[in-house]
């Protein structure tokens, strides 16, 4: 379970970096479809420092090889004025314990 938590936190951090890169046009990020201004890009990069609570609701659980796994997730900041969903994920396929041959 701690490995899964680590992976989720790592992915969350990578998404913050993607927002920064898109805002400053360092890299093209087609996955992030909402325009991001440069000031917001700085907030994306500094997202863990702004002390705004966040959540990653997991949804649409599906049975995969006997395991119930979430197939959708959202990234949500809980601002005092209302929630801001700034990312959504959909599980397309999964492969685990595989060995390259």
N, C-alpha and C. Protein backbone atom coordinates (compact mmCIF):
# COMPACT_ATOMS: atom_id res chain seq x y z
N UNK A 1 0.82 -1.19 0.00
CA UNK A 1 0.00 0.00 0.00
C UNK A 1 0.87 1.26 0.00
N UNK A 2 1.99 1.23 0.73
CA UNK A 2 2.84 2.42 0.77
C UNK A 2 3.48 2.67 -0.60
N UNK A 3 3.68 1.62 -1.39
CA UNK A 3 4.23 1.80 -2.74
C UNK A 3 3.21 2.48 -3.64
N UNK A 4 1.95 2.10 -3.52
CA UNK A 4 0.89 2.73 -4.30
C UNK A 4 0.77 4.21 -3.93
N UNK A 5 0.84 4.52 -2.64
CA UNK A 5 0.76 5.90 -2.19
C UNK A 5 1.94 6.70 -2.75
N UNK A 6 3.13 6.12 -2.72
CA UNK A 6 4.32 6.79 -3.26
C UNK A 6 4.13 7.08 -4.75
N UNK A 7 3.60 6.12 -5.49
CA UNK A 7 3.39 6.30 -6.94
C UNK A 7 2.38 7.41 -7.19
N UNK A 8 1.29 7.45 -6.42
CA UNK A 8 0.29 8.51 -6.59
C UNK A 8 0.89 9.89 -6.30
N UNK A 9 1.67 10.00 -5.24
CA UNK A 9 2.31 11.28 -4.91
C UNK A 9 3.30 11.68 -6.01
N UNK A 10 4.05 10.72 -6.52
CA UNK A 10 5.00 11.00 -7.59
C UNK A 10 4.27 11.49 -8.84
N UNK A 11 3.19 10.82 -9.22
CA UNK A 11 2.41 11.24 -10.38
C UNK A 11 1.85 12.64 -10.17
N UNK A 12 1.38 12.91 -8.98
CA UNK A 12 0.83 14.22 -8.67
C UNK A 12 1.91 15.30 -8.86
N UNK A 13 3.10 15.04 -8.39
CA UNK A 13 4.20 15.99 -8.55
C UNK A 13 4.57 16.19 -10.02
N UNK A 14 4.55 15.11 -10.79
CA UNK A 14 4.86 15.22 -12.21
C UNK A 14 3.82 16.07 -12.94
N UNK A 15 2.58 15.97 -12.53
CA UNK A 15 1.53 16.79 -13.14
C UNK A 15 1.77 18.27 -12.86
N UNK A 16 2.24 18.58 -11.65
CA UNK A 16 2.57 19.98 -11.34
C UNK A 16 3.70 20.48 -12.25
N UNK A 17 4.68 19.66 -12.49
CA UNK A 17 5.77 20.05 -13.38
C UNK A 17 5.26 20.24 -14.79
N UNK A 18 4.34 19.38 -15.25
CA UNK A 18 3.76 19.51 -16.58
C UNK A 18 3.05 20.86 -16.74
N UNK A 19 2.30 21.27 -15.72
CA UNK A 19 1.61 22.56 -15.77
C UNK A 19 2.58 23.71 -15.91
N UNK A 20 3.67 23.66 -15.17
CA UNK A 20 4.71 24.70 -15.27
C UNK A 20 5.32 24.72 -16.66
N UNK A 21 5.67 23.55 -17.19
CA UNK A 21 6.27 23.48 -18.52
C UNK A 21 5.35 24.01 -19.61
N UNK A 22 4.05 23.73 -19.47
CA UNK A 22 3.09 24.22 -20.46
C UNK A 22 2.94 25.74 -20.36
N UNK A 23 2.87 26.26 -19.14
CA UNK A 23 2.68 27.70 -18.96
C UNK A 23 3.82 28.50 -19.58
N UNK A 24 5.04 28.02 -19.43
CA UNK A 24 6.19 28.75 -19.96
C UNK A 24 6.61 28.25 -21.34
N UNK A 25 5.78 27.41 -21.95
CA UNK A 25 5.97 26.88 -23.30
C UNK A 25 7.36 26.24 -23.47
N UNK A 26 7.81 25.58 -22.41
CA UNK A 26 9.07 24.84 -22.46
C UNK A 26 8.85 23.52 -23.18
N UNK A 27 7.68 22.97 -23.01
CA UNK A 27 7.31 21.72 -23.69
C UNK A 27 5.83 21.77 -24.03
N UNK A 28 5.47 21.14 -25.11
CA UNK A 28 4.06 21.08 -25.50
C UNK A 28 3.38 19.97 -24.71
N UNK A 29 2.32 20.32 -24.01
CA UNK A 29 1.60 19.37 -23.16
C UNK A 29 0.16 19.25 -23.65
N UNK A 30 -0.07 18.40 -24.65
CA UNK A 30 -1.42 18.23 -25.19
C UNK A 30 -2.36 17.57 -24.19
N UNK A 31 -1.79 16.86 -23.20
CA UNK A 31 -2.62 16.20 -22.19
C UNK A 31 -3.35 17.21 -21.32
N UNK A 32 -2.74 18.38 -21.13
CA UNK A 32 -3.36 19.45 -20.34
C UNK A 32 -4.04 20.39 -21.33
N UNK A 33 -5.36 20.29 -21.44
CA UNK A 33 -6.08 21.01 -22.47
C UNK A 33 -6.47 22.42 -22.07
N UNK A 34 -6.47 22.73 -20.78
CA UNK A 34 -6.82 24.06 -20.32
C UNK A 34 -5.62 24.98 -20.47
N UNK A 35 -5.81 26.19 -21.02
CA UNK A 35 -4.68 27.13 -21.09
C UNK A 35 -4.17 27.48 -19.69
N UNK A 36 -2.87 27.62 -19.55
CA UNK A 36 -2.26 27.94 -18.25
C UNK A 36 -1.40 29.19 -18.43
N UNK A 37 -1.71 30.24 -17.69
CA UNK A 37 -0.93 31.47 -17.75
C UNK A 37 0.39 31.29 -17.00
N UNK A 38 1.31 32.20 -17.21
CA UNK A 38 2.61 32.11 -16.53
C UNK A 38 2.47 32.23 -15.01
N UNK A 39 1.63 33.17 -14.50
CA UNK A 39 1.47 33.19 -13.03
C UNK A 39 0.89 31.87 -12.48
N UNK A 40 -0.05 31.29 -13.21
CA UNK A 40 -0.60 30.00 -12.77
C UNK A 40 0.46 28.90 -12.89
N UNK A 41 1.33 29.01 -13.89
CA UNK A 41 2.41 28.04 -14.03
C UNK A 41 3.33 28.03 -12.83
N UNK A 42 3.58 29.22 -12.29
CA UNK A 42 4.40 29.31 -11.07
C UNK A 42 3.67 28.63 -9.91
N UNK A 43 2.35 28.84 -9.82
CA UNK A 43 1.57 28.18 -8.77
C UNK A 43 1.57 26.67 -8.97
N UNK A 44 1.50 26.23 -10.22
CA UNK A 44 1.55 24.79 -10.49
C UNK A 44 2.87 24.21 -9.99
N UNK A 45 3.97 24.91 -10.27
CA UNK A 45 5.27 24.42 -9.84
C UNK A 45 5.38 24.44 -8.32
N UNK A 46 4.76 25.43 -7.70
CA UNK A 46 4.83 25.60 -6.26
C UNK A 46 3.59 25.02 -5.58
N UNK A 47 2.90 24.12 -6.24
CA UNK A 47 1.62 23.60 -5.76
C UNK A 47 1.65 22.96 -4.39
N UNK A 48 2.76 22.37 -4.03
CA UNK A 48 2.82 21.73 -2.73
C UNK A 48 3.09 22.72 -1.61
N UNK A 49 3.46 23.95 -1.95
CA UNK A 49 3.82 24.92 -0.93
C UNK A 49 2.67 25.88 -0.59
N UNK A 50 1.56 25.83 -1.33
CA UNK A 50 0.52 26.83 -1.12
C UNK A 50 -0.48 26.43 -0.04
N UNK A 51 -0.29 25.32 0.61
CA UNK A 51 -1.09 24.89 1.76
C UNK A 51 -2.59 24.81 1.47
N UNK A 52 -2.96 24.53 0.24
CA UNK A 52 -4.36 24.32 -0.11
C UNK A 52 -4.61 22.82 -0.06
N UNK A 53 -5.63 22.40 0.70
CA UNK A 53 -5.92 20.96 0.73
C UNK A 53 -6.29 20.45 -0.66
N UNK A 54 -5.93 19.23 -0.94
CA UNK A 54 -6.25 18.63 -2.23
C UNK A 54 -6.70 17.19 -2.01
N UNK A 55 -7.31 16.66 -3.03
CA UNK A 55 -7.76 15.27 -2.97
C UNK A 55 -7.65 14.65 -4.35
N UNK A 56 -7.59 13.36 -4.36
CA UNK A 56 -7.59 12.60 -5.60
C UNK A 56 -8.67 11.52 -5.50
N UNK A 57 -9.93 11.92 -5.79
CA UNK A 57 -11.00 10.92 -5.72
C UNK A 57 -10.82 9.85 -6.79
N UNK A 58 -10.93 8.61 -6.38
CA UNK A 58 -10.86 7.47 -7.30
C UNK A 58 -12.27 6.99 -7.56
N UNK A 59 -12.59 6.72 -8.83
CA UNK A 59 -13.97 6.40 -9.21
C UNK A 59 -14.01 5.22 -10.17
N UNK A 60 -15.22 4.81 -10.47
CA UNK A 60 -15.52 3.80 -11.49
C UNK A 60 -14.66 2.55 -11.33
N UNK A 61 -14.79 1.92 -10.19
CA UNK A 61 -14.02 0.70 -9.93
C UNK A 61 -14.46 -0.42 -10.87
N UNK A 62 -13.47 -1.16 -11.37
CA UNK A 62 -13.73 -2.28 -12.28
C UNK A 62 -12.96 -3.50 -11.78
N UNK A 63 -13.48 -4.66 -12.07
CA UNK A 63 -12.80 -5.89 -11.71
C UNK A 63 -11.80 -6.24 -12.80
N UNK A 64 -10.53 -6.37 -12.41
CA UNK A 64 -9.46 -6.74 -13.34
C UNK A 64 -8.71 -7.91 -12.71
N UNK A 65 -8.84 -9.06 -13.32
CA UNK A 65 -8.17 -10.28 -12.82
C UNK A 65 -8.44 -10.52 -11.34
N UNK A 66 -9.66 -10.31 -10.92
CA UNK A 66 -10.04 -10.57 -9.53
C UNK A 66 -9.76 -9.43 -8.57
N UNK A 67 -9.22 -8.32 -9.05
CA UNK A 67 -8.96 -7.15 -8.19
C UNK A 67 -9.89 -6.02 -8.60
N UNK A 68 -10.42 -5.31 -7.62
CA UNK A 68 -11.23 -4.12 -7.89
C UNK A 68 -10.30 -2.92 -7.95
N UNK A 69 -10.20 -2.30 -9.13
CA UNK A 69 -9.29 -1.18 -9.33
C UNK A 69 -10.05 0.04 -9.82
N UNK A 70 -9.64 1.23 -9.40
CA UNK A 70 -10.29 2.43 -9.92
C UNK A 70 -9.89 2.64 -11.38
N UNK A 71 -10.85 2.99 -12.22
CA UNK A 71 -10.53 3.24 -13.62
C UNK A 71 -10.55 4.73 -13.94
N UNK A 72 -10.95 5.56 -12.97
CA UNK A 72 -10.95 7.01 -13.17
C UNK A 72 -10.47 7.70 -11.89
N UNK A 73 -9.80 8.83 -12.08
CA UNK A 73 -9.34 9.64 -10.94
C UNK A 73 -9.38 11.10 -11.34
N UNK A 74 -9.56 11.96 -10.35
CA UNK A 74 -9.53 13.40 -10.56
C UNK A 74 -8.51 14.01 -9.61
N UNK A 75 -7.96 15.16 -9.99
CA UNK A 75 -7.06 15.92 -9.14
C UNK A 75 -7.79 17.20 -8.77
N UNK A 76 -8.05 17.40 -7.49
CA UNK A 76 -8.92 18.49 -7.06
C UNK A 76 -8.27 19.28 -5.93
N UNK A 77 -8.17 20.62 -6.13
CA UNK A 77 -7.81 21.52 -5.04
C UNK A 77 -9.09 21.94 -4.35
N UNK A 78 -9.07 21.99 -3.01
CA UNK A 78 -10.23 22.40 -2.23
C UNK A 78 -10.03 23.82 -1.73
N UNK A 79 -10.24 24.81 -2.62
CA UNK A 79 -10.12 26.22 -2.26
C UNK A 79 -11.32 26.64 -1.43
N UNK A 80 -11.17 27.66 -0.58
CA UNK A 80 -12.31 28.13 0.23
C UNK A 80 -13.50 28.57 -0.63
N UNK A 81 -13.25 29.12 -1.82
CA UNK A 81 -14.34 29.56 -2.70
C UNK A 81 -14.96 28.45 -3.53
N UNK A 82 -14.42 27.26 -3.46
CA UNK A 82 -14.95 26.13 -4.23
C UNK A 82 -13.83 25.25 -4.74
N UNK A 83 -14.18 24.06 -5.15
CA UNK A 83 -13.21 23.09 -5.62
C UNK A 83 -12.76 23.41 -7.04
N UNK A 84 -11.50 23.09 -7.34
CA UNK A 84 -10.94 23.26 -8.67
C UNK A 84 -10.39 21.92 -9.11
N UNK A 85 -11.04 21.32 -10.09
CA UNK A 85 -10.56 20.07 -10.67
C UNK A 85 -9.59 20.44 -11.80
N UNK A 86 -8.32 20.07 -11.64
CA UNK A 86 -7.33 20.47 -12.64
C UNK A 86 -6.74 19.27 -13.38
N UNK A 87 -7.29 18.11 -13.20
CA UNK A 87 -6.81 16.95 -13.94
C UNK A 87 -7.73 15.77 -13.78
N UNK A 88 -7.82 14.97 -14.84
CA UNK A 88 -8.62 13.74 -14.83
C UNK A 88 -7.83 12.63 -15.51
N UNK A 89 -7.94 11.45 -14.97
CA UNK A 89 -7.26 10.29 -15.52
C UNK A 89 -8.27 9.19 -15.79
N UNK A 90 -7.99 8.42 -16.83
CA UNK A 90 -8.78 7.22 -17.14
C UNK A 90 -7.82 6.07 -17.38
N UNK A 91 -8.09 4.96 -16.73
CA UNK A 91 -7.27 3.76 -16.91
C UNK A 91 -7.68 3.10 -18.21
N UNK A 92 -6.75 3.00 -19.14
CA UNK A 92 -7.02 2.39 -20.45
C UNK A 92 -6.67 0.91 -20.45
N UNK A 93 -5.51 0.58 -19.86
CA UNK A 93 -5.12 -0.82 -19.73
C UNK A 93 -4.16 -0.93 -18.56
N UNK A 94 -3.91 -2.15 -18.17
CA UNK A 94 -3.00 -2.37 -17.04
C UNK A 94 -2.21 -3.63 -17.30
N UNK A 95 -0.96 -3.58 -16.92
CA UNK A 95 -0.07 -4.73 -17.06
C UNK A 95 0.79 -4.77 -15.81
N UNK A 96 0.86 -5.88 -15.16
CA UNK A 96 1.64 -5.98 -13.95
C UNK A 96 2.31 -7.34 -13.87
N UNK A 97 3.37 -7.38 -13.09
CA UNK A 97 4.16 -8.62 -12.94
C UNK A 97 4.51 -9.23 -14.27
N UNK A 98 4.85 -8.40 -15.25
CA UNK A 98 5.18 -8.92 -16.56
C UNK A 98 6.70 -9.04 -16.71
N UNK A 99 7.11 -9.98 -17.49
CA UNK A 99 8.52 -10.22 -17.74
C UNK A 99 8.75 -10.08 -19.23
N UNK A 100 9.70 -9.22 -19.60
CA UNK A 100 10.04 -9.08 -21.02
C UNK A 100 10.77 -10.32 -21.48
N UNK A 101 10.40 -10.77 -22.66
CA UNK A 101 11.07 -11.95 -23.23
C UNK A 101 11.63 -11.62 -24.58
